[in-house]
Protein backbone atom coordinates (compact mmCIF):
# COMPACT_ATOMS: atom_id res chain seq x y z
CA MET A 1 11.15 -19.39 -40.20
CA GLU A 2 14.71 -20.26 -38.58
CA ALA A 3 15.19 -16.64 -38.90
CA ARG A 4 12.79 -16.25 -36.33
CA ILE A 5 14.15 -18.75 -34.11
CA LYS A 6 17.35 -17.20 -34.35
CA GLU A 7 15.80 -13.92 -33.30
CA LEU A 8 13.55 -15.62 -30.38
CA GLU A 9 17.21 -16.61 -29.16
CA GLU A 10 18.73 -13.67 -29.18
CA GLU A 11 16.52 -12.14 -27.53
CA ASN A 12 16.11 -15.30 -24.78
CA ALA A 13 20.07 -14.80 -24.42
CA ARG A 14 19.34 -10.67 -23.60
CA LEU A 15 16.36 -11.33 -21.27
CA THR A 16 18.37 -13.43 -19.80
CA GLN A 17 20.82 -11.55 -19.10
CA GLU A 18 19.10 -9.02 -18.04
CA ARG A 19 17.33 -10.77 -15.64
CA GLY A 20 20.72 -11.79 -13.79
CA HIS A 21 21.22 -8.03 -13.85
CA ILE A 22 17.96 -7.30 -12.40
CA GLN A 23 18.46 -10.32 -9.59
CA ALA A 24 22.03 -9.15 -8.93
CA GLY A 25 20.30 -5.10 -8.17
CA LEU A 26 17.62 -6.50 -6.24
CA ALA A 27 20.06 -8.51 -3.81
CA GLN A 28 22.52 -5.46 -3.26
CA LEU A 29 19.33 -3.79 -2.17
CA GLN A 30 18.15 -5.99 -0.22
CA ASN A 31 21.77 -6.23 1.40
CA SER A 32 21.46 -2.15 1.72
CA LEU A 33 18.11 -2.92 3.59
CA ALA A 34 19.81 -5.11 5.61
CA ALA A 35 22.80 -2.93 6.78
CA VAL A 36 20.01 -0.57 8.29
CA GLY A 37 17.39 -3.01 9.81
CA LEU A 38 15.11 -3.17 6.54
CA SER A 39 13.83 -6.57 4.97
CA PHE A 40 12.27 -6.85 1.55
CA SER A 41 9.74 -9.15 0.85
CA ALA A 42 7.41 -9.75 -1.99
CA PRO A 43 3.96 -8.58 -1.64
CA ASP A 44 0.87 -10.62 -0.84
CA THR A 45 -0.23 -13.38 -3.24
CA ALA A 46 -3.84 -12.14 -2.43
CA LEU A 47 -3.35 -9.43 -4.25
CA THR A 48 -2.57 -11.21 -7.69
CA SER A 49 -4.54 -14.13 -7.31
CA GLY A 50 -7.61 -14.04 -8.95
CA THR A 51 -6.16 -10.91 -11.13
CA SER A 52 -6.93 -11.86 -15.32
CA ASN A 53 -5.25 -8.53 -16.08
CA THR A 54 -1.49 -9.50 -16.95
CA THR A 55 -0.94 -5.94 -16.46
CA GLU A 56 -2.68 -5.19 -13.10
CA ARG A 57 -0.95 -8.34 -11.83
CA ALA A 58 2.69 -7.11 -13.16
CA HIS A 59 1.82 -3.69 -11.05
CA LEU A 60 0.28 -5.52 -7.85
CA SER A 61 3.72 -7.83 -8.13
CA GLU A 62 5.41 -4.64 -7.95
CA THR A 63 3.65 -3.19 -4.65
CA ALA A 64 6.44 -4.81 -2.62
CA ILE A 65 6.43 -4.67 1.16
CA ILE A 66 9.11 -3.47 3.07
CA ASN A 67 9.18 -3.95 6.65
CA LYS A 68 10.57 -1.60 9.03
CA ALA A 69 11.50 -2.64 12.91
CA GLN A 70 10.30 -0.26 15.23
CA ASP A 71 10.59 0.14 19.00
CA ALA A 72 7.01 -0.30 20.56
CA GLY A 73 8.06 2.28 23.32
CA ASP A 74 8.46 -1.27 25.65
CA GLY A 75 11.77 -2.55 24.03
CA THR A 76 10.07 -4.97 21.53
CA PRO A 77 10.44 -4.16 18.10
CA GLN A 78 7.23 -3.91 15.86
CA SER A 79 6.96 -4.27 12.37
CA LYS A 80 5.14 -1.42 10.15
CA GLN A 81 4.58 -1.82 6.70
CA VAL A 82 6.09 0.65 4.24
CA TYR A 83 4.12 0.35 0.65
CA SER A 84 6.28 1.30 -2.16
CA HIS A 85 4.76 1.78 -5.53
CA VAL A 86 1.88 3.17 -3.65
CA ASP A 87 1.42 7.01 -3.39
CA PRO A 88 2.87 7.87 -0.20
CA ASP A 89 -0.13 10.51 0.37
CA ALA A 90 -2.78 8.10 -0.20
CA VAL A 91 -0.74 5.74 2.89
CA GLN A 92 -0.37 8.38 5.16
CA ALA A 93 -3.94 9.48 4.45
CA ILE A 94 -5.44 5.68 5.65
CA ARG A 95 -2.71 6.23 8.65
CA LEU A 96 -4.08 9.34 9.68
CA ILE A 97 -8.03 7.67 9.46
CA MET A 98 -6.60 4.91 11.39
CA ALA A 99 -4.59 6.82 14.10
CA HIS A 100 -8.06 8.54 14.61
CA ASN A 101 -9.92 6.00 15.12
CA ASP A 102 -7.62 3.89 17.65
CA GLU A 103 -7.31 7.59 19.47
CA SER A 104 -11.11 7.42 19.72
CA THR A 105 -13.03 5.96 22.08
CA LEU A 106 -17.05 6.58 20.65
CA HIS A 107 -17.77 4.48 17.91
CA LYS A 108 -19.77 7.14 16.47
CA ASP A 109 -16.60 8.86 15.91
CA LYS A 110 -14.61 6.52 14.06
CA TRP A 111 -14.60 6.72 10.26
CA ARG A 112 -14.61 3.56 7.90
CA ILE A 113 -11.53 4.04 5.55
CA SER A 114 -13.23 4.44 1.84
CA THR A 115 -13.28 6.13 -1.14
CA ASP A 116 -14.67 9.27 -0.27
CA PRO A 117 -13.36 10.30 2.72
CA LEU A 118 -9.52 9.15 1.35
CA ARG A 119 -10.74 11.76 -1.60
CA VAL A 120 -11.71 14.58 0.56
CA LEU A 121 -8.19 13.98 2.91
CA LEU A 122 -5.66 13.82 -0.50
CA SER A 123 -8.19 17.02 -1.83
CA GLN A 124 -6.44 18.89 0.60
CA VAL A 125 -2.41 17.83 -1.52
CA GLY A 126 -4.17 17.79 -5.15
CA LYS A 127 -3.89 14.26 -5.24
CA CYS A 128 -7.64 13.40 -4.67
CA THR A 129 -7.67 10.51 -7.80
CA THR A 130 -9.23 7.76 -7.83
CA PRO A 131 -6.70 5.67 -8.93
CA LYS A 132 -3.75 6.40 -6.70
CA ILE A 133 -6.95 5.84 -3.41
CA MET A 134 -7.76 2.49 -5.14
CA ASP A 135 -3.85 1.64 -5.36
CA ALA A 136 -3.48 2.39 -1.96
CA MET A 137 -6.79 0.30 -0.93
CA LYS A 138 -5.83 -2.72 -3.08
CA ALA A 139 -2.34 -2.51 -1.28
CA MET A 140 -3.63 -2.00 2.28
CA LYS A 141 -6.58 -4.58 2.00
CA THR A 142 -5.57 -7.09 4.61
CA GLU A 143 -5.04 -3.88 6.99
CA LEU A 144 -7.72 -2.52 6.55
CA ASP A 145 -10.00 -5.19 6.50
CA GLU A 146 -8.68 -6.14 10.20
CA HIS A 147 -9.17 -2.70 11.05
CA HIS A 148 -12.43 -2.16 10.24
CA GLN A 149 -13.29 -5.53 12.04
CA LYS A 150 -11.34 -4.35 14.92
CA HIS A 151 -13.14 -1.03 15.42
CA GLY A 152 -16.51 -2.89 13.98
CA LEU A 153 -17.13 -0.77 11.03
CA GLY A 154 -19.62 -1.71 8.67
CA GLN A 155 -19.49 -0.46 4.87
CA ARG A 156 -22.28 1.86 5.62
CA HIS A 157 -20.64 3.16 9.07
CA ASN A 158 -19.68 6.60 7.27
CA ARG A 159 -23.68 7.34 7.02
CA THR A 160 -23.53 8.39 10.79
CA HIS A 161 -21.02 11.26 9.95
CA GLY A 162 -23.46 13.25 7.26
CA GLY A 163 -20.89 13.29 4.80
CA ALA A 164 -17.79 12.90 3.97
CA ASP A 165 -16.19 16.32 3.89
CA LYS A 166 -16.28 16.49 7.26
CA ILE A 167 -13.58 14.33 8.20
CA ALA A 168 -11.16 17.35 6.92
CA SER A 169 -12.36 19.43 10.35
CA ILE A 170 -11.50 16.43 12.21
CA ILE A 171 -8.09 15.35 10.14
CA SER A 172 -5.23 17.30 8.25
CA LEU A 173 -3.37 15.06 5.83
CA ASN A 174 -1.15 18.75 5.79
CA GLN A 175 -0.42 17.41 9.79
CA GLY A 176 2.13 15.14 8.92
């Protein structure tokens, strides 16, 4: 029993030292980000609360949000969220649909952002796996909910398009 206690104390000391190194690295990263006008913040607690799976909680806690100040064109900086630990093509596909919806004047021309249209867009770059899509949608849940509410896009809205594959003729993930 004493040998096990000693082993655990040694592991605790090692982990404490490792945590110190990680915290120092994080502080260095935060300073580097600040030097180029970026800031780092912890993920939404809404992402991790109510999650019972420890592995999923750990993954979600790594989904940090980096806010980058951007000029709104009128001289005022705006914050745009960039999601780390999420497939950038999935985030780009979501952003492209959002931009399309923001530019569209007719409600029938807008798309609700869901797995089917995202799968179609991501297939253009060979990344149409559901886990990548779900990770991006989880990370951007608040932003997606606000976008859907802003445009009045209910869960059945995309039925007006006659199939998710039609989004590929409107939006190309390869364009940028």
